[in-house]
PDB file of N, CA and C in Angstrom:
ATOM      1  N   UNK A   1     115.461 152.891 -12.169  1.00  0.00           N
ATOM      2  CA  UNK A   1     114.766 152.144 -11.062  1.00  0.00           C
ATOM      3  C   UNK A   1     115.577 151.354 -10.226  1.00  0.00           C
ATOM      4  N   UNK A   2     116.559 150.570 -10.764  1.00  0.00           N
ATOM      5  CA  UNK A   2     117.464 149.833  -9.950  1.00  0.00           C
ATOM      6  C   UNK A   2     118.335 150.557  -9.063  1.00  0.00           C
ATOM      7  N   UNK A   3     118.690 151.681  -9.643  1.00  0.00           N
ATOM      8  CA  UNK A   3     119.594 152.634  -8.795  1.00  0.00           C
ATOM      9  C   UNK A   3     118.944 153.060  -7.569  1.00  0.00           C
ATOM     10  N   UNK A   4     117.589 153.302  -7.639  1.00  0.00           N
ATOM     11  CA  UNK A   4     116.851 153.823  -6.482  1.00  0.00           C
ATOM     12  C   UNK A   4     116.854 152.779  -5.297  1.00  0.00           C
ATOM     13  N   UNK A   5     117.000 151.496  -5.621  1.00  0.00           N
ATOM     14  CA  UNK A   5     117.066 150.426  -4.683  1.00  0.00           C
ATOM     15  C   UNK A   5     118.418 149.928  -4.476  1.00  0.00           C
ATOM     16  N   UNK A   6     119.436 150.568  -5.027  1.00  0.00           N
ATOM     17  CA  UNK A   6     120.893 150.161  -4.977  1.00  0.00           C
ATOM     18  C   UNK A   6     121.046 148.629  -5.285  1.00  0.00           C
ATOM     19  N   UNK A   7     120.437 148.318  -6.432  1.00  0.00           N
ATOM     20  CA  UNK A   7     120.596 147.058  -7.118  1.00  0.00           C
ATOM     21  C   UNK A   7     121.436 147.071  -8.315  1.00  0.00           C
ATOM     22  N   UNK A   8     122.405 146.123  -8.407  1.00  0.00           N
ATOM     23  CA  UNK A   8     123.197 145.886  -9.577  1.00  0.00           C
ATOM     24  C   UNK A   8     122.646 144.592 -10.344  1.00  0.00           C
ATOM     25  N   UNK A   9     122.670 144.621 -11.683  1.00  0.00           N
ATOM     26  CA  UNK A   9     122.032 143.579 -12.436  1.00  0.00           C
ATOM     27  C   UNK A   9     123.137 143.301 -13.550  1.00  0.00           C
ATOM     28  N   UNK A  10     122.847 142.102 -14.237  1.00  0.00           N
ATOM     29  CA  UNK A  10     123.467 141.781 -15.474  1.00  0.00           C
ATOM     30  C   UNK A  10     122.552 141.886 -16.608  1.00  0.00           C
ATOM     31  N   UNK A  11     122.934 142.613 -17.575  1.00  0.00           N
ATOM     32  CA  UNK A  11     122.071 142.809 -18.845  1.00  0.00           C
ATOM     33  C   UNK A  11     122.756 142.016 -20.011  1.00  0.00           C
ATOM     34  N   UNK A  12     122.022 141.222 -20.586  1.00  0.00           N
ATOM     35  CA  UNK A  12     122.514 140.458 -21.816  1.00  0.00           C
ATOM     36  C   UNK A  12     121.970 141.188 -23.028  1.00  0.00           C
ATOM     37  N   UNK A  13     122.787 141.629 -23.987  1.00  0.00           N
ATOM     38  CA  UNK A  13     122.426 142.318 -25.145  1.00  0.00           C
ATOM     39  C   UNK A  13     123.063 141.656 -26.410  1.00  0.00           C
ATOM     40  N   UNK A  14     122.366 141.745 -27.363  1.00  0.00           N
ATOM     41  CA  UNK A  14     122.946 141.256 -28.674  1.00  0.00           C
ATOM     42  C   UNK A  14     124.031 142.278 -29.320  1.00  0.00           C
ATOM     43  N   UNK A  15     125.005 141.736 -29.951  1.00  0.00           N
ATOM     44  CA  UNK A  15     126.013 142.703 -30.381  1.00  0.00           C
ATOM     45  C   UNK A  15     125.506 143.775 -31.317  1.00  0.00           C
ATOM     46  N   UNK A  16     124.377 143.588 -32.059  1.00  0.00           N
ATOM     47  CA  UNK A  16     123.835 144.583 -32.788  1.00  0.00           C
ATOM     48  C   UNK A  16     123.404 145.893 -32.003  1.00  0.00           C
ATOM     49  N   UNK A  17     122.844 145.672 -30.844  1.00  0.00           N
ATOM     50  CA  UNK A  17     122.590 146.771 -29.897  1.00  0.00           C
ATOM     51  C   UNK A  17     123.841 147.422 -29.419  1.00  0.00           C
ATOM     52  N   UNK A  18     124.748 146.768 -29.203  1.00  0.00           N
ATOM     53  CA  UNK A  18     126.134 147.421 -28.778  1.00  0.00           C
ATOM     54  C   UNK A  18     126.556 148.382 -29.950  1.00  0.00           C
ATOM     55  N   UNK A  19     126.575 147.749 -31.159  1.00  0.00           N
ATOM     56  CA  UNK A  19     127.051 148.569 -32.291  1.00  0.00           C
ATOM     57  C   UNK A  19     126.264 149.814 -32.534  1.00  0.00           C
ATOM     58  N   UNK A  20     124.919 149.699 -32.407  1.00  0.00           N
ATOM     59  CA  UNK A  20     124.023 150.895 -32.720  1.00  0.00           C
ATOM     60  C   UNK A  20     123.898 151.838 -31.489  1.00  0.00           C
ATOM     61  N   UNK A  21     123.977 151.383 -30.387  1.00  0.00           N
ATOM     62  CA  UNK A  21     123.707 152.196 -29.117  1.00  0.00           C
ATOM     63  C   UNK A  21     124.903 152.035 -28.169  1.00  0.00           C
ATOM     64  N   UNK A  22     126.088 152.337 -28.593  1.00  0.00           N
ATOM     65  CA  UNK A  22     127.219 152.191 -27.662  1.00  0.00           C
ATOM     66  C   UNK A  22     127.089 153.008 -26.474  1.00  0.00           C
ATOM     67  N   UNK A  23     126.507 154.162 -26.508  1.00  0.00           N
ATOM     68  CA  UNK A  23     126.369 155.141 -25.331  1.00  0.00           C
ATOM     69  C   UNK A  23     125.399 154.549 -24.244  1.00  0.00           C
ATOM     70  N   UNK A  24     124.337 153.805 -24.816  1.00  0.00           N
ATOM     71  CA  UNK A  24     123.384 153.268 -23.823  1.00  0.00           C
ATOM     72  C   UNK A  24     124.039 152.159 -23.049  1.00  0.00           C
ATOM     73  N   UNK A  25     124.721 151.263 -23.857  1.00  0.00           N
ATOM     74  CA  UNK A  25     125.374 150.127 -23.092  1.00  0.00           C
ATOM     75  C   UNK A  25     126.452 150.721 -22.195  1.00  0.00           C
ATOM     76  N   UNK A  26     127.212 151.724 -22.667  1.00  0.00           N
ATOM     77  CA  UNK A  26     128.272 152.223 -21.756  1.00  0.00           C
ATOM     78  C   UNK A  26     127.615 152.849 -20.423  1.00  0.00           C
ATOM     79  N   UNK A  27     126.463 153.558 -20.548  1.00  0.00           N
ATOM     80  CA  UNK A  27     125.789 154.155 -19.364  1.00  0.00           C
ATOM     81  C   UNK A  27     125.422 152.987 -18.452  1.00  0.00           C
ATOM     82  N   UNK A  28     124.967 151.839 -18.989  1.00  0.00           N
ATOM     83  CA  UNK A  28     124.547 150.787 -18.169  1.00  0.00           C
ATOM     84  C   UNK A  28     125.697 150.246 -17.303  1.00  0.00           C
ATOM     85  N   UNK A  29     126.812 150.177 -18.064  1.00  0.00           N
ATOM     86  CA  UNK A  29     128.056 149.691 -17.314  1.00  0.00           C
ATOM     87  C   UNK A  29     128.564 150.736 -16.348  1.00  0.00           C
ATOM     88  N   UNK A  30     128.495 151.995 -16.664  1.00  0.00           N
ATOM     89  CA  UNK A  30     128.897 153.029 -15.730  1.00  0.00           C
ATOM     90  C   UNK A  30     128.030 153.132 -14.537  1.00  0.00           C
ATOM     91  N   UNK A  31     126.822 152.662 -14.555  1.00  0.00           N
ATOM     92  CA  UNK A  31     126.003 152.578 -13.367  1.00  0.00           C
ATOM     93  C   UNK A  31     126.271 151.468 -12.468  1.00  0.00           C
ATOM     94  N   UNK A  32     127.283 150.621 -12.788  1.00  0.00           N
ATOM     95  CA  UNK A  32     127.694 149.443 -11.924  1.00  0.00           C
ATOM     96  C   UNK A  32     127.180 148.205 -12.339  1.00  0.00           C
ATOM     97  N   UNK A  33     126.393 148.113 -13.486  1.00  0.00           N
ATOM     98  CA  UNK A  33     125.864 146.849 -14.000  1.00  0.00           C
ATOM     99  C   UNK A  33     126.775 146.095 -14.877  1.00  0.00           C
ATOM    100  N   UNK A  34     126.653 144.778 -15.012  1.00  0.00           N
ATOM    101  CA  UNK A  34     127.511 144.041 -15.881  1.00  0.00           C
ATOM    102  C   UNK A  34     126.737 143.898 -17.204  1.00  0.00           C
ATOM    103  N   UNK A  35     127.532 143.745 -18.301  1.00  0.00           N
ATOM    104  CA  UNK A  35     127.089 143.619 -19.645  1.00  0.00           C
ATOM    105  C   UNK A  35     127.505 142.148 -20.091  1.00  0.00           C
ATOM    106  N   UNK A  36     126.479 141.457 -20.589  1.00  0.00           N
ATOM    107  CA  UNK A  36     126.909 140.175 -21.147  1.00  0.00           C
ATOM    108  C   UNK A  36     126.413 140.224 -22.714  1.00  0.00           C
ATOM    109  N   UNK A  37     127.175 139.563 -23.454  1.00  0.00           N
ATOM    110  CA  UNK A  37     126.923 139.531 -24.906  1.00  0.00           C
ATOM    111  C   UNK A  37     126.110 138.400 -25.341  1.00  0.00           C
ATOM    112  N   UNK A  38     124.985 138.559 -25.882  1.00  0.00           N
ATOM    113  CA  UNK A  38     124.057 137.398 -26.194  1.00  0.00           C
ATOM    114  C   UNK A  38     123.988 137.249 -27.750  1.00  0.00           C
ATOM    115  N   UNK A  39     125.124 136.899 -28.172  1.00  0.00           N
ATOM    116  CA  UNK A  39     125.327 136.540 -29.643  1.00  0.00           C
ATOM    117  C   UNK A  39     125.388 137.761 -30.598  1.00  0.00           C
ATOM    118  N   UNK A  40     125.386 137.686 -31.763  1.00  0.00           N
ATOM    119  CA  UNK A  40     125.444 138.848 -32.760  1.00  0.00           C
ATOM    120  C   UNK A  40     124.062 139.526 -33.035  1.00  0.00           C
ATOM    121  N   UNK A  41     123.128 138.617 -33.341  1.00  0.00           N
ATOM    122  CA  UNK A  41     121.781 139.130 -33.554  1.00  0.00           C
ATOM    123  C   UNK A  41     120.812 137.894 -33.382  1.00  0.00           C
ATOM    124  N   UNK A  42     119.414 138.283 -33.308  1.00  0.00           N
ATOM    125  CA  UNK A  42     118.465 137.316 -33.219  1.00  0.00           C
ATOM    126  C   UNK A  42     117.520 137.457 -34.318  1.00  0.00           C
ATOM    127  N   UNK A  43     117.277 136.321 -35.028  1.00  0.00           N
ATOM    128  CA  UNK A  43     116.291 136.365 -36.041  1.00  0.00           C
ATOM    129  C   UNK A  43     114.936 135.816 -35.598  1.00  0.00           C
ATOM    130  N   UNK A  44     113.808 136.437 -36.019  1.00  0.00           N
ATOM    131  CA  UNK A  44     112.514 136.085 -35.636  1.00  0.00           C
ATOM    132  C   UNK A  44     112.175 134.752 -36.275  1.00  0.00           C
ATOM    133  N   UNK A  45     111.700 133.812 -35.554  1.00  0.00           N
ATOM    134  CA  UNK A  45     111.411 132.506 -36.141  1.00  0.00           C
ATOM    135  C   UNK A  45     109.813 132.409 -36.268  1.00  0.00           C
ATOM    136  N   UNK A  46     109.299 131.892 -37.345  1.00  0.00           N
ATOM    137  CA  UNK A  46     107.988 131.764 -37.559  1.00  0.00           C
ATOM    138  C   UNK A  46     107.512 130.360 -37.276  1.00  0.00           C
TER     139      UNK A  46
END
């Protein structure tokens, strides 16, 4: 969607996502977007 409007963005992802889906994160970066690390993981708080 962003590519269709020639927009670049910064995506913040937790490190667990990078570990489990390196191809996804790589394709985001290859599309010209920036990747920011948002800690190792997030725990759900009740």
